Amino acid sequence: MKVVTVFVTSLQSQEERSDSVANEWNRLVTSYVRGIRYNVLAMNHAHRGDYQSAALIWLRASKGRICNAKILFNLALCYQNGLGITKDIGKVVHLQPCDLLIGFV
């Protein structure tokens, strides 16, 4: 009886771990897709010359769970060139190592 109880408990904990992994994977994919959507939205603003809106979108996205390397890279370009945001080389230096760690550059 003890062996059966341990086996059932082990199966339940494996199912719980599988559910936990699946939920985390779903959250990560959803965040990644949202990040892509925000980046595309910001790029559309930038292509129209509305750098202020683009920089604001990238700035907001960089502070949340939807951040990705492209968002950080584009935000760094805005800071570097003063596009839609005050030029700030210190923030460029801060953002670019993040790009390198993520593997974008």
N, C-alpha and C. Protein backbone atom coordinates (compact mmCIF):
# COMPACT_ATOMS: atom_id res chain seq x y z
N MET A 1 0.82 -1.19 0.00
CA MET A 1 0.00 0.00 0.00
C MET A 1 0.87 1.26 0.00
N LYS A 2 1.97 1.23 0.72
CA LYS A 2 2.86 2.37 0.78
C LYS A 2 3.48 2.67 -0.58
N VAL A 3 3.87 1.66 -1.32
CA VAL A 3 4.48 1.84 -2.63
C VAL A 3 3.49 2.48 -3.58
N VAL A 4 2.23 2.07 -3.54
CA VAL A 4 1.20 2.64 -4.42
C VAL A 4 1.00 4.11 -4.08
N THR A 5 0.96 4.46 -2.82
CA THR A 5 0.76 5.84 -2.40
C THR A 5 1.92 6.72 -2.88
N VAL A 6 3.14 6.25 -2.73
CA VAL A 6 4.32 7.00 -3.16
C VAL A 6 4.30 7.18 -4.68
N PHE A 7 3.93 6.13 -5.42
CA PHE A 7 3.88 6.20 -6.87
C PHE A 7 2.84 7.21 -7.34
N VAL A 8 1.64 7.18 -6.74
CA VAL A 8 0.57 8.12 -7.12
C VAL A 8 0.99 9.54 -6.79
N THR A 9 1.58 9.75 -5.63
CA THR A 9 2.06 11.08 -5.25
C THR A 9 3.13 11.56 -6.22
N SER A 10 4.01 10.67 -6.62
CA SER A 10 5.06 11.02 -7.56
C SER A 10 4.46 11.41 -8.91
N LEU A 11 3.47 10.68 -9.39
CA LEU A 11 2.81 11.04 -10.65
C LEU A 11 2.11 12.38 -10.55
N GLN A 12 1.46 12.64 -9.42
CA GLN A 12 0.78 13.93 -9.26
C GLN A 12 1.78 15.07 -9.26
N SER A 13 2.90 14.88 -8.59
CA SER A 13 3.88 15.97 -8.56
C SER A 13 4.49 16.18 -9.95
N GLN A 14 4.66 15.12 -10.74
CA GLN A 14 5.15 15.27 -12.10
C GLN A 14 4.14 16.02 -12.96
N GLU A 15 2.87 15.72 -12.79
CA GLU A 15 1.82 16.43 -13.54
C GLU A 15 1.79 17.90 -13.14
N GLU A 16 1.94 18.17 -11.85
CA GLU A 16 1.95 19.56 -11.39
C GLU A 16 3.16 20.30 -11.97
N ARG A 17 4.31 19.65 -11.99
CA ARG A 17 5.50 20.27 -12.58
C ARG A 17 5.30 20.51 -14.07
N SER A 18 4.71 19.56 -14.75
CA SER A 18 4.45 19.72 -16.19
C SER A 18 3.50 20.88 -16.43
N ASP A 19 2.46 20.98 -15.61
CA ASP A 19 1.53 22.10 -15.73
C ASP A 19 2.23 23.41 -15.46
N SER A 20 3.09 23.42 -14.47
CA SER A 20 3.83 24.64 -14.13
C SER A 20 4.75 25.06 -15.27
N VAL A 21 5.44 24.10 -15.85
CA VAL A 21 6.33 24.40 -16.98
C VAL A 21 5.53 24.89 -18.17
N ALA A 22 4.40 24.24 -18.44
CA ALA A 22 3.55 24.66 -19.57
C ALA A 22 3.02 26.07 -19.35
N ASN A 23 2.61 26.38 -18.14
CA ASN A 23 2.11 27.72 -17.84
C ASN A 23 3.20 28.77 -18.00
N GLU A 24 4.40 28.46 -17.54
CA GLU A 24 5.52 29.40 -17.67
C GLU A 24 5.88 29.59 -19.14
N TRP A 25 5.90 28.51 -19.90
CA TRP A 25 6.20 28.60 -21.33
C TRP A 25 5.16 29.47 -22.03
N ASN A 26 3.90 29.27 -21.71
CA ASN A 26 2.82 30.07 -22.30
C ASN A 26 2.99 31.55 -21.95
N ARG A 27 3.35 31.85 -20.71
CA ARG A 27 3.56 33.23 -20.29
C ARG A 27 4.73 33.86 -21.06
N LEU A 28 5.81 33.11 -21.22
CA LEU A 28 6.97 33.63 -21.94
C LEU A 28 6.66 33.89 -23.41
N VAL A 29 5.97 32.96 -24.05
CA VAL A 29 5.62 33.14 -25.47
C VAL A 29 4.69 34.33 -25.64
N THR A 30 3.71 34.45 -24.75
CA THR A 30 2.78 35.58 -24.82
C THR A 30 3.52 36.90 -24.65
N SER A 31 4.44 36.96 -23.70
CA SER A 31 5.22 38.18 -23.49
C SER A 31 6.08 38.49 -24.71
N TYR A 32 6.68 37.47 -25.29
CA TYR A 32 7.54 37.68 -26.47
C TYR A 32 6.72 38.24 -27.64
N VAL A 33 5.56 37.66 -27.86
CA VAL A 33 4.69 38.12 -28.96
C VAL A 33 4.24 39.56 -28.71
N ARG A 34 3.89 39.88 -27.47
CA ARG A 34 3.52 41.26 -27.14
C ARG A 34 4.68 42.21 -27.41
N GLY A 35 5.88 41.78 -27.05
CA GLY A 35 7.06 42.60 -27.30
C GLY A 35 7.25 42.88 -28.78
N ILE A 36 7.04 41.86 -29.60
CA ILE A 36 7.14 42.05 -31.05
C ILE A 36 6.08 43.04 -31.52
N ARG A 37 4.87 42.90 -31.03
CA ARG A 37 3.80 43.81 -31.45
C ARG A 37 4.11 45.25 -31.05
N TYR A 38 4.62 45.46 -29.84
CA TYR A 38 4.98 46.81 -29.41
C TYR A 38 6.11 47.37 -30.26
N ASN A 39 7.09 46.52 -30.59
CA ASN A 39 8.20 46.98 -31.41
C ASN A 39 7.72 47.38 -32.80
N VAL A 40 6.84 46.59 -33.39
CA VAL A 40 6.29 46.92 -34.71
C VAL A 40 5.50 48.22 -34.65
N LEU A 41 4.70 48.38 -33.61
CA LEU A 41 3.93 49.62 -33.44
C LEU A 41 4.86 50.83 -33.36
N ALA A 42 5.91 50.71 -32.55
CA ALA A 42 6.86 51.81 -32.40
C ALA A 42 7.61 52.07 -33.72
N MET A 43 7.97 51.01 -34.42
CA MET A 43 8.66 51.18 -35.71
C MET A 43 7.77 51.91 -36.71
N ASN A 44 6.48 51.62 -36.70
CA ASN A 44 5.55 52.33 -37.59
C ASN A 44 5.55 53.82 -37.29
N HIS A 45 5.55 54.18 -36.01
CA HIS A 45 5.63 55.60 -35.63
C HIS A 45 6.94 56.21 -36.11
N ALA A 46 8.04 55.48 -35.91
CA ALA A 46 9.36 55.99 -36.30
C ALA A 46 9.44 56.18 -37.82
N HIS A 47 8.91 55.26 -38.58
CA HIS A 47 8.94 55.39 -40.05
C HIS A 47 8.13 56.59 -40.54
N ARG A 48 7.12 56.97 -39.78
CA ARG A 48 6.34 58.16 -40.13
C ARG A 48 6.99 59.44 -39.61
N GLY A 49 8.10 59.31 -38.89
CA GLY A 49 8.79 60.47 -38.36
C GLY A 49 8.34 60.88 -36.98
N ASP A 50 7.45 60.11 -36.37
CA ASP A 50 6.94 60.41 -35.03
C ASP A 50 7.81 59.69 -34.00
N TYR A 51 9.04 60.20 -33.84
CA TYR A 51 10.00 59.55 -32.95
C TYR A 51 9.62 59.67 -31.47
N GLN A 52 8.91 60.72 -31.13
CA GLN A 52 8.50 60.88 -29.74
C GLN A 52 7.58 59.74 -29.31
N SER A 53 6.58 59.42 -30.14
CA SER A 53 5.68 58.30 -29.82
C SER A 53 6.43 56.98 -29.83
N ALA A 54 7.32 56.80 -30.80
CA ALA A 54 8.10 55.56 -30.88
C ALA A 54 8.96 55.38 -29.63
N ALA A 55 9.67 56.44 -29.25
CA ALA A 55 10.54 56.36 -28.07
C ALA A 55 9.73 56.08 -26.81
N LEU A 56 8.56 56.67 -26.71
CA LEU A 56 7.71 56.44 -25.54
C LEU A 56 7.26 54.98 -25.47
N ILE A 57 6.88 54.42 -26.60
CA ILE A 57 6.47 53.01 -26.63
C ILE A 57 7.64 52.11 -26.25
N TRP A 58 8.82 52.36 -26.83
CA TRP A 58 9.99 51.55 -26.49
C TRP A 58 10.38 51.72 -25.03
N LEU A 59 10.26 52.93 -24.52
CA LEU A 59 10.60 53.18 -23.11
C LEU A 59 9.67 52.41 -22.19
N ARG A 60 8.38 52.48 -22.44
CA ARG A 60 7.40 51.75 -21.61
C ARG A 60 7.62 50.24 -21.72
N ALA A 61 7.86 49.77 -22.94
CA ALA A 61 8.06 48.34 -23.14
C ALA A 61 9.34 47.85 -22.46
N SER A 62 10.35 48.70 -22.40
CA SER A 62 11.64 48.30 -21.82
C SER A 62 11.53 48.07 -20.31
N LYS A 63 10.51 48.60 -19.70
CA LYS A 63 10.36 48.49 -18.24
C LYS A 63 9.44 47.35 -17.83
N GLY A 64 8.89 46.64 -18.80
CA GLY A 64 7.94 45.59 -18.48
C GLY A 64 8.43 44.22 -18.86
N ARG A 65 7.55 43.26 -18.73
CA ARG A 65 7.87 41.87 -19.05
C ARG A 65 7.96 41.61 -20.55
N ILE A 66 7.50 42.56 -21.34
CA ILE A 66 7.48 42.35 -22.79
C ILE A 66 8.76 42.80 -23.47
N CYS A 67 9.72 43.21 -22.70
CA CYS A 67 10.96 43.74 -23.26
C CYS A 67 11.73 42.66 -24.00
N ASN A 68 12.33 43.05 -25.12
CA ASN A 68 13.23 42.16 -25.83
C ASN A 68 14.41 42.97 -26.36
N ALA A 69 15.37 42.30 -26.96
CA ALA A 69 16.60 42.96 -27.38
C ALA A 69 16.36 44.04 -28.43
N LYS A 70 15.41 43.82 -29.34
CA LYS A 70 15.14 44.82 -30.37
C LYS A 70 14.59 46.11 -29.76
N ILE A 71 13.75 45.96 -28.76
CA ILE A 71 13.20 47.13 -28.07
C ILE A 71 14.33 47.91 -27.41
N LEU A 72 15.24 47.20 -26.71
CA LEU A 72 16.37 47.87 -26.05
C LEU A 72 17.29 48.54 -27.06
N PHE A 73 17.54 47.85 -28.17
CA PHE A 73 18.41 48.40 -29.20
C PHE A 73 17.81 49.68 -29.80
N ASN A 74 16.53 49.64 -30.14
CA ASN A 74 15.88 50.81 -30.73
C ASN A 74 15.80 51.98 -29.74
N LEU A 75 15.56 51.66 -28.48
CA LEU A 75 15.54 52.70 -27.46
C LEU A 75 16.93 53.32 -27.31
N ALA A 76 17.97 52.48 -27.35
CA ALA A 76 19.34 52.99 -27.28
C ALA A 76 19.65 53.92 -28.45
N LEU A 77 19.16 53.57 -29.64
CA LEU A 77 19.35 54.45 -30.80
C LEU A 77 18.67 55.80 -30.60
N CYS A 78 17.48 55.77 -30.01
CA CYS A 78 16.78 57.03 -29.73
C CYS A 78 17.58 57.90 -28.77
N TYR A 79 18.10 57.29 -27.69
CA TYR A 79 18.92 58.04 -26.74
C TYR A 79 20.21 58.53 -27.39
N GLN A 80 20.81 57.72 -28.21
CA GLN A 80 22.08 58.07 -28.85
C GLN A 80 21.92 59.26 -29.79
N ASN A 81 20.83 59.29 -30.54
CA ASN A 81 20.63 60.33 -31.55
C ASN A 81 19.65 61.42 -31.14
N GLY A 82 19.10 61.32 -29.94
CA GLY A 82 18.13 62.31 -29.48
C GLY A 82 16.85 62.30 -30.30
N LEU A 83 16.43 61.13 -30.71
CA LEU A 83 15.21 61.01 -31.52
C LEU A 83 13.99 60.80 -30.64
N GLY A 84 13.20 61.85 -30.49
CA GLY A 84 11.96 61.76 -29.71
C GLY A 84 12.17 61.74 -28.21
N ILE A 85 13.41 61.83 -27.80
CA ILE A 85 13.75 61.75 -26.38
C ILE A 85 15.05 62.52 -26.19
N THR A 86 15.31 63.00 -25.01
CA THR A 86 16.53 63.75 -24.76
C THR A 86 17.76 62.87 -24.96
N LYS A 87 18.72 63.38 -25.69
CA LYS A 87 19.96 62.65 -25.95
C LYS A 87 20.65 62.36 -24.62
N ASP A 88 21.02 61.10 -24.40
CA ASP A 88 21.63 60.70 -23.13
C ASP A 88 22.55 59.51 -23.39
N ILE A 89 23.83 59.80 -23.56
CA ILE A 89 24.81 58.75 -23.87
C ILE A 89 24.95 57.77 -22.71
N GLY A 90 24.75 58.23 -21.49
CA GLY A 90 24.82 57.34 -20.33
C GLY A 90 23.80 56.22 -20.41
N LYS A 91 22.62 56.54 -20.89
CA LYS A 91 21.59 55.51 -21.03
C LYS A 91 21.89 54.58 -22.20
N VAL A 92 22.55 55.11 -23.22
CA VAL A 92 22.97 54.26 -24.35
C VAL A 92 23.95 53.22 -23.84
N VAL A 93 24.92 53.66 -23.06
CA VAL A 93 25.93 52.76 -22.51
C VAL A 93 25.27 51.72 -21.60
N HIS A 94 24.25 52.14 -20.87
CA HIS A 94 23.53 51.23 -19.98
C HIS A 94 22.73 50.19 -20.77
N LEU A 95 22.12 50.58 -21.88
CA LEU A 95 21.26 49.68 -22.64
C LEU A 95 22.02 48.73 -23.56
N GLN A 96 23.13 49.18 -24.13
CA GLN A 96 23.83 48.34 -25.10
C GLN A 96 24.40 47.04 -24.52
N PRO A 97 24.95 47.02 -23.31
CA PRO A 97 25.38 45.72 -22.77
C PRO A 97 24.22 44.74 -22.64
N CYS A 98 23.03 45.25 -22.38
CA CYS A 98 21.86 44.37 -22.31
C CYS A 98 21.63 43.71 -23.65
N ASP A 99 21.79 44.46 -24.73
CA ASP A 99 21.63 43.90 -26.07
C ASP A 99 22.64 42.78 -26.31
N LEU A 100 23.87 43.00 -25.88
CA LEU A 100 24.92 42.02 -26.10
C LEU A 100 24.64 40.74 -25.32
N LEU A 101 24.15 40.87 -24.09
CA LEU A 101 23.84 39.70 -23.28
C LEU A 101 22.70 38.90 -23.89
N ILE A 102 21.73 39.58 -24.46
CA ILE A 102 20.58 38.88 -25.04
C ILE A 102 20.95 38.29 -26.39
N GLY A 103 21.95 38.85 -27.04
CA GLY A 103 22.42 38.29 -28.29
C GLY A 103 21.87 38.97 -29.52
N PHE A 104 21.41 40.19 -29.40
CA PHE A 104 20.85 40.89 -30.54
C PHE A 104 21.94 41.48 -31.41
N VAL A 105 22.95 42.05 -30.78
CA VAL A 105 24.00 42.74 -31.54
C VAL A 105 25.07 41.74 -31.93
